[in-house]
Each structure stands twice: as C-alpha cells, then as structure tokens.
Amino acid sequence: MRLANLDGRAVILTDDASGFDVFDASAGRFGPSIQDVYEKWEAFSEWGPEASGPAIAIEESQLGPVSPRPFQAFGIGLNYDEHVAESGFGRPEKLPPVFPKFQSSIAGPFETVELVPGGRTDWEAELVVVIGRMAHRIAEGSGWDHVAGVTVGQDLSERTTQLDGPAPQFGLGKSFPGYSPQGPWLVTPDELPDRDDLAIFCELDGERMQDGRTSQMIFDVATLVEQLSAIVTLHPGDVIYSGTPSGVGFVREPARLIRPGETLVTTIEGVGTIRQVFTG
C-alpha cells in the first residue's frame, strides 16, 4: 500500500497518477489528514488494502510531507561504514549518534528550499522510517512490526552551524526551514522488493553524488527502532531519518556544497523520488 499526503488529506494511491481519498472512502473512519491515519494505523492497515473509492488525480505540486507533524523526529548519524570513514569519526558500536530534527524543518517532496545565507549546506540522502505502533522497550527482532512504512528523505545539513563551536549542534544545523524534506508517499514494508536492501542515491544538477544500499547500514531499521524504544517511547507518526551513505560534499577536496539555483534529486528503490530546488 502507498499512502500520500495530498493537499492536506490522506490518499491511497492506485498508481503514480491517481488514488482515492481515505476519509471519504472510509465514511469518516480514518483521516482526513495523514497524521490522523497513523493514530489508527493497525485498523487502517487492515482496511486500506481492500478499500476503493472515486479516483482523484495525484498532482506533484500538491504532495506534502508523509508525516508533517510527528510527535518526534529523529536523525541518525554515522550509520554507514563508508560515511563514517569519510567523516573522520569512530565507528559506533552500541548506539549510533541520535539528534532531533525539529518539526518546523519538515517539508514536502517537491519544494523550493532557501539556503542559509552565508552557510555551507550539504546533502544526505536517507531512508525515512515512519512509526505505526507505539513502541517502548520492545523485544529484539520486533522492530519492523512497529513500522507503518518508509519514504524518501534528505537530511540537509548546514555544516557551519552543525560543526562549529565548543560542541556540535547537529539538531540545529539540520533543522533550518525546509531542511527535512520527505516523500513522495509512504510505502508499506510488504510493497518493497527487499525491505532491508534498497538502492539509495542522489544527484545534484544531474551529477551522481551518493550511491549506496540500505543493506550497508551499521544499524538496520529494526535495530534502530528497537534501540530507540529502549530509551524513549515511539509514537505513531514519529519519523526516523536513518542515516546516509558516503558521498557527502563537505569532506571532498575541494568541498562541494549546494549552490543557489541547483536541483537535488533523491531516489530510493521501490519507494520513489523527491526533488528540491535551492534559492539563496
């Protein structure tokens, strides 16, 4: 099942160009917003695959964030070995770095993003995990049972704010307006070719910058959900930006950062593609 946020309403997709309104098709049982759907995810996931309704067009410009108002949004750092190496940090062994991505930074899949004036904005292609069932101290091996689905994301990073100072400011450096895009829709795990091994890549003005697979994660999706739940309570609609493969710009020689007028396209196999155009 694929679920989209179309102009503020939850829509189940029947193909890439059309779908039907969840609230109308369920006679008000689910929705109308996509955030409302996550609160009843277990019942919705049973109803949705067999549901149908009048077809409506899917307009790219109307697609919003897959989880626009999560109770919590987590960023995961250093979760791919080659990215750990290129960044010059030590490999995490027990728990990856975790930081907040503040809600005001969350954006839709096809939006214009204003670069931080005088900043150094970098790309980080990421698989974004959306929680479907409350999770706290869940059993090992049960992480995927608490996932509604996944989507495509970018953990856009303003490196000056993130790294300068006596201590890093990961949360703030990655939470400027529009710096947490996600979409174009939620894909439930059963729809994926292999939920633990998906190709992930991004291109800046047509040049391939990152090219990896989610199977290269140090901590896979299930482990991330389990480890986070050991400390915090995960709520339906919470999102986890699960880390980025190698190929970021600030470690290159010379550094390559996003410039005004450029376009960033990010794709994950079996999930979809998002696109950001930058101004500044």
Protein backbone atom coordinates (compact mmCIF):
# COMPACT_ATOMS: atom_id res chain seq x y z
CA MET A 1 0.00 0.00 0.00
CA ARG A 2 1.15 3.53 -0.78
CA LEU A 3 -0.25 6.44 1.21
CA ALA A 4 0.18 10.09 0.26
CA ASN A 5 -0.47 13.48 1.82
CA LEU A 6 -2.33 15.24 -0.99
CA ASP A 7 -3.19 18.85 -0.24
CA GLY A 8 -3.52 18.00 3.45
CA ARG A 9 -5.64 14.88 3.01
CA ALA A 10 -4.69 11.21 3.24
CA VAL A 11 -4.92 9.45 -0.12
CA ILE A 12 -4.26 5.81 -1.01
CA LEU A 13 -2.53 5.54 -4.36
CA THR A 14 -3.80 3.17 -7.02
CA ASP A 15 -0.96 4.15 -9.39
CA ASP A 16 1.55 7.01 -9.69
CA ALA A 17 -1.06 9.35 -11.16
CA SER A 18 -4.24 8.64 -9.20
CA GLY A 19 -5.68 7.48 -5.90
CA PHE A 20 -8.71 7.88 -3.66
CA ASP A 21 -9.49 9.93 -0.56
CA VAL A 22 -9.21 7.90 2.67
CA PHE A 23 -11.73 9.92 4.70
CA ASP A 24 -14.41 9.74 2.02
CA ALA A 25 -13.82 6.08 1.20
CA SER A 26 -13.96 5.08 4.88
CA ALA A 27 -17.05 7.21 5.60
CA GLY A 28 -15.03 9.24 8.08
CA ARG A 29 -13.48 6.32 9.95
CA PHE A 30 -9.91 7.30 9.00
CA GLY A 31 -8.39 10.69 8.28
CA PRO A 32 -8.96 13.23 6.92
CA SER A 33 -5.25 14.08 7.44
CA ILE A 34 -2.42 11.60 7.04
CA GLN A 35 -1.35 12.32 10.64
CA ASP A 36 -4.79 11.17 11.83
CA VAL A 37 -4.35 7.89 9.97
CA TYR A 38 -1.22 6.96 11.94
CA GLU A 39 -3.19 7.18 15.20
CA LYS A 40 -5.34 4.28 13.98
CA TRP A 41 -2.68 2.51 11.96
CA GLU A 42 -3.43 -1.08 12.95
CA ALA A 43 -7.09 -0.82 11.95
CA PHE A 44 -6.24 1.25 8.88
CA SER A 45 -3.63 -1.23 7.63
CA GLU A 46 -6.29 -3.94 7.67
CA TRP A 47 -8.89 -1.78 5.91
CA GLY A 48 -6.71 0.02 3.36
CA PRO A 49 -5.51 -2.78 1.05
CA GLU A 50 -9.08 -3.82 0.21
CA ALA A 51 -10.54 -0.30 0.04
CA SER A 52 -11.52 1.69 -3.02
CA GLY A 53 -13.09 5.00 -3.90
CA PRO A 54 -13.62 7.56 -6.64
CA ALA A 55 -10.37 8.30 -8.47
CA ILE A 56 -8.62 11.62 -7.92
CA ALA A 57 -5.54 12.90 -9.74
CA ILE A 58 -2.20 12.97 -7.96
CA GLU A 59 -0.62 16.34 -8.65
CA GLU A 60 3.07 16.55 -7.75
CA SER A 61 2.71 20.15 -6.57
CA GLN A 62 0.04 19.12 -4.04
CA LEU A 63 2.05 16.38 -2.32
CA GLY A 64 3.07 17.23 1.24
CA PRO A 65 5.26 15.56 3.87
CA VAL A 66 4.44 11.94 4.64
CA SER A 67 4.38 12.77 8.37
CA PRO A 68 4.03 16.55 8.63
CA ARG A 69 3.52 16.79 12.40
CA PRO A 70 5.33 13.91 14.11
CA PHE A 71 5.42 13.86 17.88
CA GLN A 72 9.15 13.17 17.50
CA ALA A 73 11.57 13.28 14.56
CA PHE A 74 14.95 11.59 14.97
CA GLY A 75 18.11 11.89 12.92
CA ILE A 76 20.66 9.08 12.93
CA GLY A 77 24.33 9.80 12.32
CA LEU A 78 27.23 7.62 11.21
CA ASN A 79 25.15 4.62 10.15
CA TYR A 80 27.10 3.58 7.03
CA ASP A 81 30.74 2.47 7.33
CA GLU A 82 31.99 4.39 4.30
CA HIS A 83 30.31 7.56 5.56
CA VAL A 84 31.92 7.04 8.97
CA ALA A 85 35.30 6.78 7.27
CA GLU A 86 34.86 9.84 5.06
CA SER A 87 33.68 11.91 8.04
CA GLY A 88 36.68 11.03 10.19
CA PHE A 89 34.71 9.77 13.18
CA GLY A 90 34.96 6.47 15.02
CA ARG A 91 32.56 3.65 14.16
CA PRO A 92 29.65 3.44 16.61
CA GLU A 93 29.45 0.02 18.22
CA LYS A 94 26.48 0.08 20.62
CA LEU A 95 24.32 3.04 19.58
CA PRO A 96 24.62 5.49 16.68
CA PRO A 97 24.55 9.25 17.30
CA VAL A 98 20.94 10.43 17.60
CA PHE A 99 19.76 14.02 17.25
CA PRO A 100 16.44 15.84 16.85
CA LYS A 101 15.15 17.15 13.56
CA PHE A 102 12.77 19.86 14.66
CA GLN A 103 9.26 19.79 13.25
CA SER A 104 9.48 23.23 11.63
CA SER A 105 12.14 21.85 9.24
CA ILE A 106 9.88 19.16 7.77
CA ALA A 107 8.93 19.80 4.15
CA GLY A 108 7.24 18.09 1.25
CA PRO A 109 8.90 16.15 -1.55
CA PHE A 110 8.88 18.82 -4.27
CA GLU A 111 9.60 22.20 -2.73
CA THR A 112 11.94 25.14 -3.09
CA VAL A 113 14.38 25.44 -0.19
CA GLU A 114 16.06 28.70 0.78
CA LEU A 115 19.71 28.15 1.62
CA VAL A 116 21.07 29.59 4.85
CA PRO A 117 22.73 32.93 3.98
CA GLY A 118 26.49 32.50 4.14
CA GLY A 119 26.07 28.86 5.14
CA ARG A 120 27.53 25.59 3.88
CA THR A 121 24.57 23.34 3.05
CA ASP A 122 25.25 19.69 2.25
CA TRP A 123 23.10 16.77 1.06
CA GLU A 124 22.39 13.50 2.91
CA ALA A 125 20.10 11.01 1.14
CA GLU A 126 18.20 8.93 3.71
CA LEU A 127 15.56 6.26 4.10
CA VAL A 128 12.93 7.72 6.43
CA VAL A 129 11.05 5.32 8.71
CA VAL A 130 7.53 6.16 9.93
CA ILE A 131 6.30 4.51 13.13
CA GLY A 132 2.86 2.88 13.05
CA ARG A 133 2.55 1.33 16.51
CA MET A 134 3.64 2.71 19.88
CA ALA A 135 6.94 1.19 20.88
CA HIS A 136 8.69 1.17 24.24
CA ARG A 137 11.19 -1.46 25.33
CA ILE A 138 10.12 -3.74 22.52
CA ALA A 139 11.62 -7.18 22.02
CA GLU A 140 14.66 -7.80 19.88
CA GLY A 141 13.63 -8.75 16.37
CA SER A 142 10.28 -6.93 16.54
CA GLY A 143 11.33 -3.53 15.19
CA TRP A 144 9.68 -3.85 11.79
CA ASP A 145 6.38 -4.80 13.48
CA HIS A 146 6.14 -1.20 14.72
CA VAL A 147 6.82 0.44 11.35
CA ALA A 148 3.98 1.83 9.22
CA GLY A 149 6.23 2.28 6.22
CA VAL A 150 9.13 4.14 4.72
CA THR A 151 9.69 7.12 2.47
CA VAL A 152 12.49 9.09 0.83
CA GLY A 153 14.19 11.89 2.75
CA GLN A 154 17.05 14.34 2.77
CA ASP A 155 18.83 15.28 5.99
CA LEU A 156 20.01 18.61 4.59
CA SER A 157 22.86 19.84 6.76
CA GLU A 158 24.21 23.35 7.28
CA ARG A 159 27.73 22.38 8.24
CA THR A 160 28.83 25.63 9.88
CA THR A 161 26.03 25.53 12.46
CA GLN A 162 26.36 21.76 12.82
CA LEU A 163 30.09 21.56 13.48
CA ASP A 164 31.43 24.91 14.69
CA GLY A 165 31.69 25.84 18.34
CA PRO A 166 32.81 24.08 21.51
CA ALA A 167 30.28 21.28 20.89
CA PRO A 168 28.47 20.17 17.71
CA GLN A 169 24.90 21.39 17.10
CA PHE A 170 23.60 18.53 14.96
CA GLY A 171 19.93 19.20 15.70
CA LEU A 172 20.03 22.89 14.88
CA GLY A 173 22.35 22.51 11.89
CA LYS A 174 19.88 20.09 10.31
CA SER A 175 16.64 21.87 11.16
CA PHE A 176 16.50 25.07 9.14
CA PRO A 177 13.17 25.57 7.30
CA GLY A 178 12.80 23.02 4.53
CA TYR A 179 15.90 21.06 5.58
CA SER A 180 13.96 17.83 6.33
CA PRO A 181 12.07 17.04 3.11
CA GLN A 182 10.27 13.70 2.83
CA GLY A 183 8.04 11.88 0.37
CA PRO A 184 6.65 11.46 -2.17
CA TRP A 185 4.49 8.92 -0.29
CA LEU A 186 4.64 6.25 2.38
CA VAL A 187 5.29 2.69 1.16
CA THR A 188 4.37 -0.16 3.49
CA PRO A 189 7.11 -2.79 4.00
CA ASP A 190 5.20 -5.53 2.17
CA GLU A 191 5.41 -3.47 -1.03
CA LEU A 192 9.22 -3.29 -1.02
CA PRO A 193 11.41 -5.60 -3.12
CA ASP A 194 13.58 -6.23 -0.03
CA ARG A 195 12.86 -4.04 2.96
CA ASP A 196 16.45 -4.36 4.22
CA ASP A 197 18.26 -3.87 0.91
CA LEU A 198 17.18 -0.91 -1.22
CA ALA A 199 19.28 1.15 -3.61
CA ILE A 200 19.60 4.78 -2.46
CA PHE A 201 21.19 7.62 -4.41
CA CYS A 202 21.06 11.35 -5.05
CA GLU A 203 22.08 13.64 -7.91
CA LEU A 204 22.89 17.34 -7.83
CA ASP A 205 22.20 19.02 -11.16
CA GLY A 206 22.44 15.61 -12.80
CA GLU A 207 25.74 14.56 -11.18
CA ARG A 208 25.58 11.41 -9.04
CA MET A 209 26.76 12.34 -5.53
CA GLN A 210 25.70 9.37 -3.40
CA ASP A 211 25.11 5.78 -4.43
CA GLY A 212 24.56 3.10 -1.81
CA ARG A 213 22.25 0.43 -0.47
CA THR A 214 20.33 0.36 2.80
CA SER A 215 21.81 -3.09 3.47
CA GLN A 216 25.05 -1.20 4.20
CA MET A 217 23.59 0.29 7.37
CA ILE A 218 25.53 -0.48 10.54
CA PHE A 219 22.25 -0.48 12.48
CA ASP A 220 19.38 -1.64 10.28
CA VAL A 221 15.81 -0.35 10.51
CA ALA A 222 14.63 -2.96 13.00
CA THR A 223 17.63 -2.36 15.26
CA LEU A 224 17.16 1.41 15.18
CA VAL A 225 13.52 1.08 16.23
CA GLU A 226 14.41 -1.37 18.99
CA GLN A 227 17.32 0.70 20.33
CA LEU A 228 15.38 3.97 20.32
CA SER A 229 12.44 2.29 22.05
CA ALA A 230 14.74 1.09 24.81
CA ILE A 231 15.10 4.72 25.88
CA VAL A 232 12.13 6.73 24.56
CA THR A 233 8.54 5.89 23.72
CA LEU A 234 7.97 5.96 19.99
CA HIS A 235 4.55 7.19 18.89
CA PRO A 236 2.55 6.57 15.69
CA GLY A 237 3.68 9.05 13.06
CA ASP A 238 7.16 9.55 14.55
CA VAL A 239 9.88 9.61 11.92
CA ILE A 240 13.45 8.32 11.90
CA TYR A 241 15.91 9.66 9.31
CA SER A 242 18.02 6.52 9.31
CA GLY A 243 21.45 7.79 8.22
CA THR A 244 23.22 8.48 4.95
CA PRO A 245 25.68 6.57 2.76
CA SER A 246 29.02 8.01 1.71
CA GLY A 247 29.41 10.80 -0.82
CA VAL A 248 28.54 13.94 1.13
CA GLY A 249 30.04 17.20 -0.05
CA PHE A 250 31.81 18.86 2.86
CA VAL A 251 34.54 16.19 3.09
CA ARG A 252 35.51 16.39 -0.58
CA GLU A 253 38.68 18.08 -1.74
CA PRO A 254 37.73 20.77 -2.51
CA ALA A 255 34.46 20.81 -0.59
CA ARG A 256 31.34 20.68 -2.79
CA LEU A 257 28.26 22.30 -1.27
CA ILE A 258 24.82 23.20 -2.61
CA ARG A 259 24.58 26.48 -4.52
CA PRO A 260 21.56 28.67 -5.30
CA GLY A 261 19.82 27.56 -8.47
CA GLU A 262 20.82 23.90 -8.17
CA THR A 263 18.42 20.95 -8.07
CA LEU A 264 18.83 17.91 -5.82
CA VAL A 265 17.06 14.66 -6.78
CA THR A 266 16.96 11.73 -4.34
CA THR A 267 15.70 8.24 -5.16
CA ILE A 268 15.18 5.03 -3.19
CA GLU A 269 14.42 1.79 -4.99
CA GLY A 270 10.80 0.72 -4.67
CA VAL A 271 9.87 3.89 -2.78
CA GLY A 272 10.13 6.91 -5.06
CA THR A 273 11.91 10.17 -5.83
CA ILE A 274 11.93 13.62 -4.25
CA ARG A 275 13.33 16.87 -5.66
CA GLN A 276 14.45 20.12 -4.07
CA VAL A 277 15.32 23.35 -5.90
CA PHE A 278 17.51 25.77 -3.94
CA THR A 279 17.44 29.54 -3.74
CA GLY A 280 19.59 31.92 -1.73
